């Protein structure tokens, strides 16, 4: 582009000098005795040559102008979406995080906060984040032993990811200002997300909400909306909870969170009340902002990866023939 602009400038300079030379020649001839016939012939030849030179320069200018593309206007600055993902070591962890990262890489103006449930950060997660190309923050905090699920416990027995989400909220409070625009979304690593979901939440004023598919033993759960306002919730399990919603079904304004520095998830929240423990300190049901076609479109699904069966692997390990543990899965 710079090279083309220089060439265009040179053409204009040449055009200017040819015009000046023609003018100077004409002025020099004023008042001079001459053979008019010869003089007129010379002037005529000069004018024709000058016209040809000018016409050539004009054509060159048109060609260069056609090649110079107009500069695009700057794109508007979008509020940042802060996606908070708690994660823990398991066989499918890398597969889950790769899938989620390759969704998030298509979302502009996004900051991924990944928090490991671990005493130290793992190289697996650190390297995956580094290679993702996303803007990210990598944190870790271990869940207290008394609140950890034991082998064989059902997933619903104890709330998971509580300390990890709270640490991410604290990071935002420590590193962002009340004047910063943004939205905070809690995205577990095993869910499935439509890209449209992130467009829907981008300009959340307080707390925005939408349906979640394949959750609560139902095809979907969703807020009920009348005249643009949330009036209740379509759900079967404990519908009298303050906010009977899944973690994937809402996003919170960054400014609202920063303005309420004590708002957090309660580690000892009763089953199904984890979301309510945060939301009831921030917003009322009447203030919720329904998105996704007035909460009639499902744009996120509460999917779960099947736990891999390792019978053959375990049998080979007993024979000393187990797979190479240096190969990361």
C-alpha atoms as a PDB file:
ATOM      1  CA  UNK A   1       0.000   0.000   0.000  1.00  0.00           C
ATOM      2  CA  UNK A   2       2.801   2.447   0.889  1.00  0.00           C
ATOM      3  CA  UNK A   3       4.678   1.573  -2.300  1.00  0.00           C
ATOM      4  CA  UNK A   4       1.569   2.236  -4.401  1.00  0.00           C
ATOM      5  CA  UNK A   5       0.971   5.604  -2.703  1.00  0.00           C
ATOM      6  CA  UNK A   6       4.574   6.656  -3.518  1.00  0.00           C
ATOM      7  CA  UNK A   7       4.070   5.697  -7.159  1.00  0.00           C
ATOM      8  CA  UNK A   8       0.851   7.696  -7.313  1.00  0.00           C
ATOM      9  CA  UNK A   9       2.662  10.692  -5.806  1.00  0.00           C
ATOM     10  CA  UNK A  10       5.410  10.466  -8.470  1.00  0.00           C
ATOM     11  CA  UNK A  11       2.813  10.486 -11.261  1.00  0.00           C
ATOM     12  CA  UNK A  12       1.241  13.659  -9.883  1.00  0.00           C
ATOM     13  CA  UNK A  13       4.682  15.324  -9.641  1.00  0.00           C
ATOM     14  CA  UNK A  14       5.432  14.492 -13.290  1.00  0.00           C
ATOM     15  CA  UNK A  15       2.009  15.842 -14.286  1.00  0.00           C
ATOM     16  CA  UNK A  16       2.801  19.096 -12.460  1.00  0.00           C
ATOM     17  CA  UNK A  17       6.204  19.567 -14.109  1.00  0.00           C
ATOM     18  CA  UNK A  18       4.874  18.907 -17.624  1.00  0.00           C
ATOM     19  CA  UNK A  19       2.190  21.552 -17.049  1.00  0.00           C
ATOM     20  CA  UNK A  20       4.739  24.081 -15.707  1.00  0.00           C
ATOM     21  CA  UNK A  21       7.086  23.520 -18.658  1.00  0.00           C
ATOM     22  CA  UNK A  22       4.231  24.112 -21.093  1.00  0.00           C
ATOM     23  CA  UNK A  23       3.265  27.313 -19.317  1.00  0.00           C
ATOM     24  CA  UNK A  24       6.872  28.594 -19.237  1.00  0.00           C
ATOM     25  CA  UNK A  25       7.300  27.891 -22.941  1.00  0.00           C
ATOM     26  CA  UNK A  26       4.142  29.790 -23.787  1.00  0.00           C
ATOM     27  CA  UNK A  27       5.217  32.776 -21.682  1.00  0.00           C
ATOM     28  CA  UNK A  28       8.654  32.892 -23.302  1.00  0.00           C
ATOM     29  CA  UNK A  29       7.089  33.155 -26.735  1.00  0.00           C
ATOM     30  CA  UNK A  30       4.939  36.158 -25.866  1.00  0.00           C
ATOM     31  CA  UNK A  31       5.986  39.355 -27.712  1.00  0.00           C
ATOM     32  CA  UNK A  32       8.726  37.625 -29.748  1.00  0.00           C
ATOM     33  CA  UNK A  33       8.842  38.342 -33.535  1.00  0.00           C
ATOM     34  CA  UNK A  34       8.623  35.184 -35.474  1.00  0.00           C
ATOM     35  CA  UNK A  35       7.513  33.441 -38.598  1.00  0.00           C
ATOM     36  CA  UNK A  36       3.925  32.912 -37.480  1.00  0.00           C
ATOM     37  CA  UNK A  37       3.313  29.925 -39.730  1.00  0.00           C
ATOM     38  CA  UNK A  38       6.347  28.062 -38.424  1.00  0.00           C
ATOM     39  CA  UNK A  39       5.688  29.245 -34.897  1.00  0.00           C
ATOM     40  CA  UNK A  40       2.068  28.079 -34.986  1.00  0.00           C
ATOM     41  CA  UNK A  41       3.156  24.714 -36.358  1.00  0.00           C
ATOM     42  CA  UNK A  42       5.685  24.318 -33.564  1.00  0.00           C
ATOM     43  CA  UNK A  43       3.107  25.367 -30.968  1.00  0.00           C
ATOM     44  CA  UNK A  44       0.607  22.948 -32.433  1.00  0.00           C
ATOM     45  CA  UNK A  45       3.132  20.065 -32.290  1.00  0.00           C
ATOM     46  CA  UNK A  46       4.079  21.006 -28.747  1.00  0.00           C
ATOM     47  CA  UNK A  47       0.442  21.126 -27.634  1.00  0.00           C
ATOM     48  CA  UNK A  48      -0.244  17.734 -29.254  1.00  0.00           C
ATOM     49  CA  UNK A  49       2.785  16.206 -27.540  1.00  0.00           C
ATOM     50  CA  UNK A  50       1.813  17.793 -24.241  1.00  0.00           C
ATOM     51  CA  UNK A  51      -1.763  16.522 -24.579  1.00  0.00           C
ATOM     52  CA  UNK A  52      -0.496  13.027 -25.299  1.00  0.00           C
ATOM     53  CA  UNK A  53       1.807  13.183 -22.241  1.00  0.00           C
ATOM     54  CA  UNK A  54      -0.992  14.477 -20.036  1.00  0.00           C
ATOM     55  CA  UNK A  55      -3.433  11.857 -21.384  1.00  0.00           C
ATOM     56  CA  UNK A  56      -0.880   9.131 -20.662  1.00  0.00           C
ATOM     57  CA  UNK A  57      -0.347  10.454 -17.141  1.00  0.00           C
ATOM     58  CA  UNK A  58      -4.110  10.639 -16.555  1.00  0.00           C
ATOM     59  CA  UNK A  59      -4.520   7.010 -17.640  1.00  0.00           C
ATOM     60  CA  UNK A  60      -1.707   6.028 -15.277  1.00  0.00           C
ATOM     61  CA  UNK A  61      -3.414   7.885 -12.440  1.00  0.00           C
ATOM     62  CA  UNK A  62      -6.717   6.070 -13.145  1.00  0.00           C
ATOM     63  CA  UNK A  63      -4.971   2.679 -13.095  1.00  0.00           C
ATOM     64  CA  UNK A  64      -3.271   3.447  -9.791  1.00  0.00           C
ATOM     65  CA  UNK A  65      -6.490   4.789  -8.270  1.00  0.00           C
ATOM     66  CA  UNK A  66      -8.277   1.582  -9.246  1.00  0.00           C
ATOM     67  CA  UNK A  67      -5.602  -0.453  -7.474  1.00  0.00           C
ATOM     68  CA  UNK A  68      -5.722   1.570  -4.261  1.00  0.00           C
ATOM     69  CA  UNK A  69      -8.476   0.071  -2.059  1.00  0.00           C
ATOM     70  CA  UNK A  70     -10.243   2.496   0.251  1.00  0.00           C
ATOM     71  CA  UNK A  71      -9.310   1.958   3.868  1.00  0.00           C
ATOM     72  CA  UNK A  72     -12.000   0.157   5.886  1.00  0.00           C
ATOM     73  CA  UNK A  73     -13.478   2.097   8.789  1.00  0.00           C
ATOM     74  CA  UNK A  74     -12.241   0.857  12.180  1.00  0.00           C
ATOM     75  CA  UNK A  75     -14.361  -1.899  13.708  1.00  0.00           C
ATOM     76  CA  UNK A  76     -16.290  -0.958  16.847  1.00  0.00           C
ATOM     77  CA  UNK A  77     -14.757  -2.079  20.140  1.00  0.00           C
ATOM     78  CA  UNK A  78     -16.810  -4.941  21.581  1.00  0.00           C
ATOM     79  CA  UNK A  79     -17.271  -5.587  25.302  1.00  0.00           C
ATOM     80  CA  UNK A  80     -15.041  -8.486  26.360  1.00  0.00           C
ATOM     81  CA  UNK A  81     -16.681 -11.805  27.207  1.00  0.00           C
ATOM     82  CA  UNK A  82     -14.892 -13.412  30.170  1.00  0.00           C
ATOM     83  CA  UNK A  83     -15.475 -17.159  29.943  1.00  0.00           C
ATOM     84  CA  UNK A  84     -14.772 -18.934  33.246  1.00  0.00           C
ATOM     85  CA  UNK A  85     -14.074 -22.663  32.993  1.00  0.00           C
ATOM     86  CA  UNK A  86     -13.298 -24.851  36.014  1.00  0.00           C
ATOM     87  CA  UNK A  87     -11.503 -28.080  35.101  1.00  0.00           C
ATOM     88  CA  UNK A  88      -9.886 -31.086  36.754  1.00  0.00           C
ATOM     89  CA  UNK A  89      -7.557 -33.917  35.751  1.00  0.00           C
ATOM     90  CA  UNK A  90      -9.251 -36.901  34.113  1.00  0.00           C
ATOM     91  CA  UNK A  91      -8.851 -39.004  30.977  1.00  0.00           C
ATOM     92  CA  UNK A  92     -11.134 -36.840  28.840  1.00  0.00           C
ATOM     93  CA  UNK A  93      -9.887 -33.473  30.142  1.00  0.00           C
ATOM     94  CA  UNK A  94      -7.717 -32.607  27.155  1.00  0.00           C
ATOM     95  CA  UNK A  95     -10.372 -33.697  24.658  1.00  0.00           C
ATOM     96  CA  UNK A  96     -12.976 -31.531  26.416  1.00  0.00           C
ATOM     97  CA  UNK A  97     -10.726 -28.469  26.591  1.00  0.00           C
ATOM     98  CA  UNK A  98      -9.612 -28.798  22.957  1.00  0.00           C
ATOM     99  CA  UNK A  99     -13.228 -28.943  21.805  1.00  0.00           C
ATOM    100  CA  UNK A 100     -14.200 -25.918  23.902  1.00  0.00           C
ATOM    101  CA  UNK A 101     -11.136 -23.907  22.868  1.00  0.00           C
ATOM    102  CA  UNK A 102     -11.901 -24.490  19.198  1.00  0.00           C
ATOM    103  CA  UNK A 103     -15.359 -23.044  19.743  1.00  0.00           C
ATOM    104  CA  UNK A 104     -14.043 -20.032  21.652  1.00  0.00           C
ATOM    105  CA  UNK A 105     -11.428 -19.193  19.006  1.00  0.00           C
ATOM    106  CA  UNK A 106     -14.284 -18.129  16.705  1.00  0.00           C
ATOM    107  CA  UNK A 107     -15.602 -15.592  19.231  1.00  0.00           C
ATOM    108  CA  UNK A 108     -14.101 -12.073  18.968  1.00  0.00           C
ATOM    109  CA  UNK A 109     -13.103 -10.058  22.027  1.00  0.00           C
ATOM    110  CA  UNK A 110     -12.973 -12.991  24.446  1.00  0.00           C
ATOM    111  CA  UNK A 111     -10.829 -13.750  27.500  1.00  0.00           C
ATOM    112  CA  UNK A 112     -10.756 -17.368  28.725  1.00  0.00           C
ATOM    113  CA  UNK A 113     -10.153 -17.885  32.450  1.00  0.00           C
ATOM    114  CA  UNK A 114      -9.346 -21.547  33.103  1.00  0.00           C
ATOM    115  CA  UNK A 115      -9.082 -22.620  36.730  1.00  0.00           C
ATOM    116  CA  UNK A 116      -7.717 -26.036  37.621  1.00  0.00           C
ATOM    117  CA  UNK A 117      -8.891 -27.958  40.672  1.00  0.00           C
ATOM    118  CA  UNK A 118      -5.328 -28.779  41.640  1.00  0.00           C
ATOM    119  CA  UNK A 119      -2.578 -27.826  44.064  1.00  0.00           C
ATOM    120  CA  UNK A 120      -0.387 -26.777  41.122  1.00  0.00           C
ATOM    121  CA  UNK A 121      -0.984 -25.890  37.488  1.00  0.00           C
ATOM    122  CA  UNK A 122      -0.495 -28.829  35.122  1.00  0.00           C
ATOM    123  CA  UNK A 123       1.643 -28.720  31.987  1.00  0.00           C
ATOM    124  CA  UNK A 124      -1.206 -30.280  29.999  1.00  0.00           C
ATOM    125  CA  UNK A 125      -3.517 -27.310  30.577  1.00  0.00           C
ATOM    126  CA  UNK A 126      -0.700 -24.735  30.360  1.00  0.00           C
ATOM    127  CA  UNK A 127       0.458 -26.004  26.963  1.00  0.00           C
ATOM    128  CA  UNK A 128      -3.085 -26.320  25.624  1.00  0.00           C
ATOM    129  CA  UNK A 129      -3.827 -22.702  26.547  1.00  0.00           C
ATOM    130  CA  UNK A 130      -0.563 -21.518  25.019  1.00  0.00           C
ATOM    131  CA  UNK A 131      -1.327 -23.258  21.721  1.00  0.00           C
ATOM    132  CA  UNK A 132      -4.967 -22.128  21.611  1.00  0.00           C
ATOM    133  CA  UNK A 133      -4.132 -18.615  20.405  1.00  0.00           C
ATOM    134  CA  UNK A 134      -6.759 -17.244  22.786  1.00  0.00           C
ATOM    135  CA  UNK A 135      -6.288 -14.481  25.317  1.00  0.00           C
ATOM    136  CA  UNK A 136      -6.345 -16.388  28.588  1.00  0.00           C
ATOM    137  CA  UNK A 137      -5.613 -16.509  32.298  1.00  0.00           C
ATOM    138  CA  UNK A 138      -4.522 -19.774  33.931  1.00  0.00           C
ATOM    139  CA  UNK A 139      -5.304 -20.200  37.629  1.00  0.00           C
ATOM    140  CA  UNK A 140      -5.486 -23.057  40.126  1.00  0.00           C
ATOM    141  CA  UNK A 141      -7.014 -23.770  43.509  1.00  0.00           C
ATOM    142  CA  UNK A 142      -7.745 -27.112  45.113  1.00  0.00           C
ATOM    143  CA  UNK A 143     -11.194 -27.981  46.426  1.00  0.00           C
ATOM    144  CA  UNK A 144     -11.083 -28.829  50.166  1.00  0.00           C
ATOM    145  CA  UNK A 145     -11.059 -32.611  50.677  1.00  0.00           C
ATOM    146  CA  UNK A 146     -14.341 -32.596  52.615  1.00  0.00           C
ATOM    147  CA  UNK A 147     -16.106 -31.104  49.589  1.00  0.00           C
ATOM    148  CA  UNK A 148     -14.568 -33.343  46.915  1.00  0.00           C
ATOM    149  CA  UNK A 149     -16.497 -36.146  45.268  1.00  0.00           C
ATOM    150  CA  UNK A 150     -15.154 -39.582  46.067  1.00  0.00           C
ATOM    151  CA  UNK A 151     -14.761 -42.431  43.587  1.00  0.00           C
ATOM    152  CA  UNK A 152     -18.214 -43.757  42.791  1.00  0.00           C
ATOM    153  CA  UNK A 153     -20.109 -40.701  44.075  1.00  0.00           C
ATOM    154  CA  UNK A 154     -22.827 -39.372  41.749  1.00  0.00           C
ATOM    155  CA  UNK A 155     -22.021 -36.028  40.109  1.00  0.00           C
ATOM    156  CA  UNK A 156     -24.906 -34.274  41.850  1.00  0.00           C
ATOM    157  CA  UNK A 157     -23.894 -35.255  45.410  1.00  0.00           C
ATOM    158  CA  UNK A 158     -21.722 -32.157  45.988  1.00  0.00           C
ATOM    159  CA  UNK A 159     -21.389 -28.859  44.122  1.00  0.00           C
ATOM    160  CA  UNK A 160     -18.343 -28.867  41.857  1.00  0.00           C
ATOM    161  CA  UNK A 161     -16.137 -26.037  40.619  1.00  0.00           C
ATOM    162  CA  UNK A 162     -17.179 -23.689  43.429  1.00  0.00           C
ATOM    163  CA  UNK A 163     -13.739 -22.626  44.639  1.00  0.00           C
ATOM    164  CA  UNK A 164     -12.517 -22.409  41.049  1.00  0.00           C
ATOM    165  CA  UNK A 165     -15.322 -20.087  39.912  1.00  0.00           C
ATOM    166  CA  UNK A 166     -14.893 -17.931  43.015  1.00  0.00           C
ATOM    167  CA  UNK A 167     -11.154 -17.594  42.362  1.00  0.00           C
ATOM    168  CA  UNK A 168     -11.919 -16.418  38.821  1.00  0.00           C
ATOM    169  CA  UNK A 169     -14.342 -13.822  40.202  1.00  0.00           C
ATOM    170  CA  UNK A 170     -11.646 -12.602  42.579  1.00  0.00           C
ATOM    171  CA  UNK A 171      -9.160 -12.354  39.697  1.00  0.00           C
ATOM    172  CA  UNK A 172     -11.608 -10.109  37.836  1.00  0.00           C
ATOM    173  CA  UNK A 173     -12.032  -7.909  40.909  1.00  0.00           C
ATOM    174  CA  UNK A 174      -8.263  -7.624  41.305  1.00  0.00           C
ATOM    175  CA  UNK A 175      -7.498  -6.957  37.636  1.00  0.00           C
ATOM    176  CA  UNK A 176     -10.440  -5.030  36.196  1.00  0.00           C
ATOM    177  CA  UNK A 177     -11.956  -1.618  36.943  1.00  0.00           C
ATOM    178  CA  UNK A 178     -15.593  -0.719  37.502  1.00  0.00           C
ATOM    179  CA  UNK A 179     -15.456   1.364  34.318  1.00  0.00           C
ATOM    180  CA  UNK A 180     -14.484  -1.667  32.189  1.00  0.00           C
ATOM    181  CA  UNK A 181     -17.244  -3.044  29.986  1.00  0.00           C
ATOM    182  CA  UNK A 182     -17.672  -6.791  29.717  1.00  0.00           C
ATOM    183  CA  UNK A 183     -19.766  -9.829  30.498  1.00  0.00           C
ATOM    184  CA  UNK A 184     -18.958 -12.926  32.582  1.00  0.00           C
ATOM    185  CA  UNK A 185     -20.067 -16.423  31.561  1.00  0.00           C
ATOM    186  CA  UNK A 186     -19.498 -19.734  33.350  1.00  0.00           C
ATOM    187  CA  UNK A 187     -18.751 -22.339  30.672  1.00  0.00           C
ATOM    188  CA  UNK A 188     -18.082 -25.878  31.871  1.00  0.00           C
ATOM    189  CA  UNK A 189     -15.670 -27.812  29.695  1.00  0.00           C
ATOM    190  CA  UNK A 190     -18.114 -30.625  28.855  1.00  0.00           C
ATOM    191  CA  UNK A 191     -21.012 -28.534  27.459  1.00  0.00           C
ATOM    192  CA  UNK A 192     -21.719 -27.716  23.809  1.00  0.00           C
ATOM    193  CA  UNK A 193     -22.057 -24.069  22.754  1.00  0.00           C
ATOM    194  CA  UNK A 194     -23.467 -22.380  19.668  1.00  0.00           C
ATOM    195  CA  UNK A 195     -21.485 -19.358  18.487  1.00  0.00           C
ATOM    196  CA  UNK A 196     -24.764 -17.415  18.408  1.00  0.00           C
ATOM    197  CA  UNK A 197     -24.946 -17.738  22.197  1.00  0.00           C
ATOM    198  CA  UNK A 198     -21.951 -15.419  22.599  1.00  0.00           C
ATOM    199  CA  UNK A 199     -23.536 -12.836  20.304  1.00  0.00           C
ATOM    200  CA  UNK A 200     -26.687 -12.962  22.439  1.00  0.00           C
ATOM    201  CA  UNK A 201     -24.864 -12.319  25.731  1.00  0.00           C
ATOM    202  CA  UNK A 202     -22.394  -9.693  24.472  1.00  0.00           C
ATOM    203  CA  UNK A 203     -24.324  -6.576  25.587  1.00  0.00           C
ATOM    204  CA  UNK A 204     -25.757  -7.845  28.875  1.00  0.00           C
ATOM    205  CA  UNK A 205     -26.749  -4.933  31.149  1.00  0.00           C
ATOM    206  CA  UNK A 206     -27.245  -6.904  34.385  1.00  0.00           C
ATOM    207  CA  UNK A 207     -28.013 -10.630  34.030  1.00  0.00           C
ATOM    208  CA  UNK A 208     -29.100 -12.187  30.735  1.00  0.00           C
ATOM    209  CA  UNK A 209     -30.784 -15.612  30.515  1.00  0.00           C
ATOM    210  CA  UNK A 210     -31.728 -18.276  27.934  1.00  0.00           C
ATOM    211  CA  UNK A 211     -32.729 -21.957  27.679  1.00  0.00           C
ATOM    212  CA  UNK A 212     -30.362 -24.886  28.246  1.00  0.00           C
ATOM    213  CA  UNK A 213     -30.894 -28.154  26.397  1.00  0.00           C
ATOM    214  CA  UNK A 214     -30.630 -31.717  27.739  1.00  0.00           C
ATOM    215  CA  UNK A 215     -30.674 -30.765  31.413  1.00  0.00           C
ATOM    216  CA  UNK A 216     -32.661 -31.612  34.541  1.00  0.00           C
ATOM    217  CA  UNK A 217     -33.961 -34.833  33.013  1.00  0.00           C
ATOM    218  CA  UNK A 218     -35.773 -32.789  30.341  1.00  0.00           C
ATOM    219  CA  UNK A 219     -35.318 -31.840  26.691  1.00  0.00           C
ATOM    220  CA  UNK A 220     -34.663 -28.311  27.907  1.00  0.00           C
ATOM    221  CA  UNK A 221     -35.199 -25.926  30.796  1.00  0.00           C
ATOM    222  CA  UNK A 222     -35.970 -22.281  30.142  1.00  0.00           C
ATOM    223  CA  UNK A 223     -37.144 -18.998  31.645  1.00  0.00           C
ATOM    224  CA  UNK A 224     -40.791 -18.195  30.901  1.00  0.00           C
ATOM    225  CA  UNK A 225     -41.239 -14.793  29.277  1.00  0.00           C
ATOM    226  CA  UNK A 226     -44.280 -12.530  28.945  1.00  0.00           C
ATOM    227  CA  UNK A 227     -44.134  -9.089  27.315  1.00  0.00           C
ATOM    228  CA  UNK A 228     -40.329  -9.182  27.329  1.00  0.00           C
ATOM    229  CA  UNK A 229     -40.071  -9.954  31.059  1.00  0.00           C
ATOM    230  CA  UNK A 230     -39.143 -13.197  32.822  1.00  0.00           C
ATOM    231  CA  UNK A 231     -42.119 -14.335  34.890  1.00  0.00           C
ATOM    232  CA  UNK A 232     -41.026 -17.830  35.944  1.00  0.00           C
ATOM    233  CA  UNK A 233     -39.161 -20.947  34.867  1.00  0.00           C
ATOM    234  CA  UNK A 234     -40.024 -24.114  32.964  1.00  0.00           C
ATOM    235  CA  UNK A 235     -38.362 -26.836  35.025  1.00  0.00           C
ATOM    236  CA  UNK A 236     -39.414 -30.034  36.793  1.00  0.00           C
ATOM    237  CA  UNK A 237     -36.879 -30.407  39.606  1.00  0.00           C
ATOM    238  CA  UNK A 238     -37.332 -28.133  42.650  1.00  0.00           C
ATOM    239  CA  UNK A 239     -39.110 -25.375  40.716  1.00  0.00           C
ATOM    240  CA  UNK A 240     -39.395 -23.259  43.883  1.00  0.00           C
ATOM    241  CA  UNK A 241     -35.667 -22.526  44.011  1.00  0.00           C
ATOM    242  CA  UNK A 242     -34.962 -18.740  43.829  1.00  0.00           C
ATOM    243  CA  UNK A 243     -33.345 -19.213  40.410  1.00  0.00           C
ATOM    244  CA  UNK A 244     -34.043 -22.741  39.104  1.00  0.00           C
ATOM    245  CA  UNK A 245     -31.471 -22.479  36.319  1.00  0.00           C
ATOM    246  CA  UNK A 246     -28.416 -24.317  35.062  1.00  0.00           C
ATOM    247  CA  UNK A 247     -24.968 -22.688  35.277  1.00  0.00           C
ATOM    248  CA  UNK A 248     -24.878 -22.508  31.458  1.00  0.00           C
ATOM    249  CA  UNK A 249     -28.108 -20.530  31.295  1.00  0.00           C
ATOM    250  CA  UNK A 250     -27.039 -17.023  32.298  1.00  0.00           C
ATOM    251  CA  UNK A 251     -24.348 -14.357  31.953  1.00  0.00           C
ATOM    252  CA  UNK A 252     -23.554 -11.449  34.260  1.00  0.00           C
ATOM    253  CA  UNK A 253     -22.415  -7.906  33.517  1.00  0.00           C
ATOM    254  CA  UNK A 254     -18.800  -7.392  34.605  1.00  0.00           C
ATOM    255  CA  UNK A 255     -19.708  -4.014  36.086  1.00  0.00           C
ATOM    256  CA  UNK A 256     -22.504  -5.575  38.160  1.00  0.00           C
ATOM    257  CA  UNK A 257     -20.097  -8.137  39.582  1.00  0.00           C
ATOM    258  CA  UNK A 258     -17.451  -5.545  40.379  1.00  0.00           C
ATOM    259  CA  UNK A 259     -20.063  -3.336  42.039  1.00  0.00           C
ATOM    260  CA  UNK A 260     -20.937  -6.241  44.368  1.00  0.00           C
ATOM    261  CA  UNK A 261     -17.553  -7.351  45.765  1.00  0.00           C
ATOM    262  CA  UNK A 262     -19.000  -9.923  48.181  1.00  0.00           C
ATOM    263  CA  UNK A 263     -21.115 -11.797  45.627  1.00  0.00           C
ATOM    264  CA  UNK A 264     -19.861 -15.388  45.294  1.00  0.00           C
ATOM    265  CA  UNK A 265     -20.903 -19.032  45.036  1.00  0.00           C
ATOM    266  CA  UNK A 266     -21.490 -20.731  48.378  1.00  0.00           C
ATOM    267  CA  UNK A 267     -19.393 -23.846  48.907  1.00  0.00           C
ATOM    268  CA  UNK A 268     -22.010 -25.288  51.253  1.00  0.00           C
ATOM    269  CA  UNK A 269     -24.996 -24.508  49.020  1.00  0.00           C
ATOM    270  CA  UNK A 270     -27.741 -27.123  49.041  1.00  0.00           C
ATOM    271  CA  UNK A 271     -27.969 -29.338  45.977  1.00  0.00           C
ATOM    272  CA  UNK A 272     -29.419 -27.312  43.088  1.00  0.00           C
ATOM    273  CA  UNK A 273     -28.984 -23.984  44.858  1.00  0.00           C
ATOM    274  CA  UNK A 274     -25.439 -23.108  43.726  1.00  0.00           C
ATOM    275  CA  UNK A 275     -26.574 -20.766  40.945  1.00  0.00           C
ATOM    276  CA  UNK A 276     -29.116 -19.126  43.259  1.00  0.00           C
ATOM    277  CA  UNK A 277     -26.452 -18.499  45.905  1.00  0.00           C
ATOM    278  CA  UNK A 278     -24.766 -16.053  43.513  1.00  0.00           C
ATOM    279  CA  UNK A 279     -27.692 -14.661  41.534  1.00  0.00           C
ATOM    280  CA  UNK A 280     -29.950 -13.735  44.444  1.00  0.00           C
ATOM    281  CA  UNK A 281     -27.285 -11.263  45.643  1.00  0.00           C
ATOM    282  CA  UNK A 282     -27.152  -9.549  42.243  1.00  0.00           C
ATOM    283  CA  UNK A 283     -30.562  -9.402  40.606  1.00  0.00           C
ATOM    284  CA  UNK A 284     -34.297 -10.026  40.917  1.00  0.00           C
ATOM    285  CA  UNK A 285     -36.284 -12.216  38.533  1.00  0.00           C
ATOM    286  CA  UNK A 286     -37.988  -9.100  37.114  1.00  0.00           C
ATOM    287  CA  UNK A 287     -34.582  -7.643  36.161  1.00  0.00           C
ATOM    288  CA  UNK A 288     -33.467 -10.670  34.141  1.00  0.00           C
ATOM    289  CA  UNK A 289     -32.867 -10.013  30.428  1.00  0.00           C
ATOM    290  CA  UNK A 290     -34.355 -12.751  28.217  1.00  0.00           C
ATOM    291  CA  UNK A 291     -32.232 -13.578  25.168  1.00  0.00           C
ATOM    292  CA  UNK A 292     -32.340 -16.206  22.399  1.00  0.00           C
ATOM    293  CA  UNK A 293     -35.673 -15.206  20.835  1.00  0.00           C
ATOM    294  CA  UNK A 294     -37.359 -14.504  24.172  1.00  0.00           C
ATOM    295  CA  UNK A 295     -35.950 -17.753  25.559  1.00  0.00           C
ATOM    296  CA  UNK A 296     -37.377 -19.905  22.763  1.00  0.00           C
ATOM    297  CA  UNK A 297     -34.079 -20.950  21.147  1.00  0.00           C
ATOM    298  CA  UNK A 298     -31.695 -23.520  22.599  1.00  0.00           C
ATOM    299  CA  UNK A 299     -28.097 -22.391  21.989  1.00  0.00           C
ATOM    300  CA  UNK A 300     -26.269 -24.380  24.691  1.00  0.00           C
ATOM    301  CA  UNK A 301     -26.536 -28.051  25.621  1.00  0.00           C
ATOM    302  CA  UNK A 302     -25.624 -29.730  28.909  1.00  0.00           C
ATOM    303  CA  UNK A 303     -23.757 -32.575  27.217  1.00  0.00           C
ATOM    304  CA  UNK A 304     -21.442 -34.996  28.983  1.00  0.00           C
ATOM    305  CA  UNK A 305     -18.656 -37.120  27.551  1.00  0.00           C
ATOM    306  CA  UNK A 306     -19.086 -40.811  28.283  1.00  0.00           C
ATOM    307  CA  UNK A 307     -16.531 -42.093  30.764  1.00  0.00           C
ATOM    308  CA  UNK A 308     -14.039 -44.201  28.765  1.00  0.00           C
ATOM    309  CA  UNK A 309     -13.924 -47.919  29.526  1.00  0.00           C
ATOM    310  CA  UNK A 310     -10.331 -48.943  30.207  1.00  0.00           C
ATOM    311  CA  UNK A 311     -10.683 -52.722  30.679  1.00  0.00           C
ATOM    312  CA  UNK A 312      -8.253 -53.625  27.926  1.00  0.00           C
ATOM    313  CA  UNK A 313      -5.768 -50.993  29.052  1.00  0.00           C
ATOM    314  CA  UNK A 314      -5.924 -52.309  32.623  1.00  0.00           C
ATOM    315  CA  UNK A 315      -5.456 -55.893  31.430  1.00  0.00           C
ATOM    316  CA  UNK A 316      -2.386 -54.919  29.396  1.00  0.00           C
ATOM    317  CA  UNK A 317      -0.940 -53.004  32.345  1.00  0.00           C
ATOM    318  CA  UNK A 318      -1.133 -56.153  34.458  1.00  0.00           C
ATOM    319  CA  UNK A 319       0.976 -57.892  31.823  1.00  0.00           C
ATOM    320  CA  UNK A 320       3.454 -55.023  31.739  1.00  0.00           C
ATOM    321  CA  UNK A 321       2.248 -54.055  28.266  1.00  0.00           C
ATOM    322  CA  UNK A 322       0.353 -50.899  29.091  1.00  0.00           C
ATOM    323  CA  UNK A 323       0.388 -47.964  26.681  1.00  0.00           C
ATOM    324  CA  UNK A 324       3.259 -45.455  26.664  1.00  0.00           C
ATOM    325  CA  UNK A 325       2.492 -43.053  29.536  1.00  0.00           C
ATOM    326  CA  UNK A 326       4.687 -40.360  27.974  1.00  0.00           C
ATOM    327  CA  UNK A 327       2.106 -39.949  25.179  1.00  0.00           C
ATOM    328  CA  UNK A 328      -0.408 -37.339  26.287  1.00  0.00           C
ATOM    329  CA  UNK A 329      -4.058 -38.145  25.569  1.00  0.00           C
END
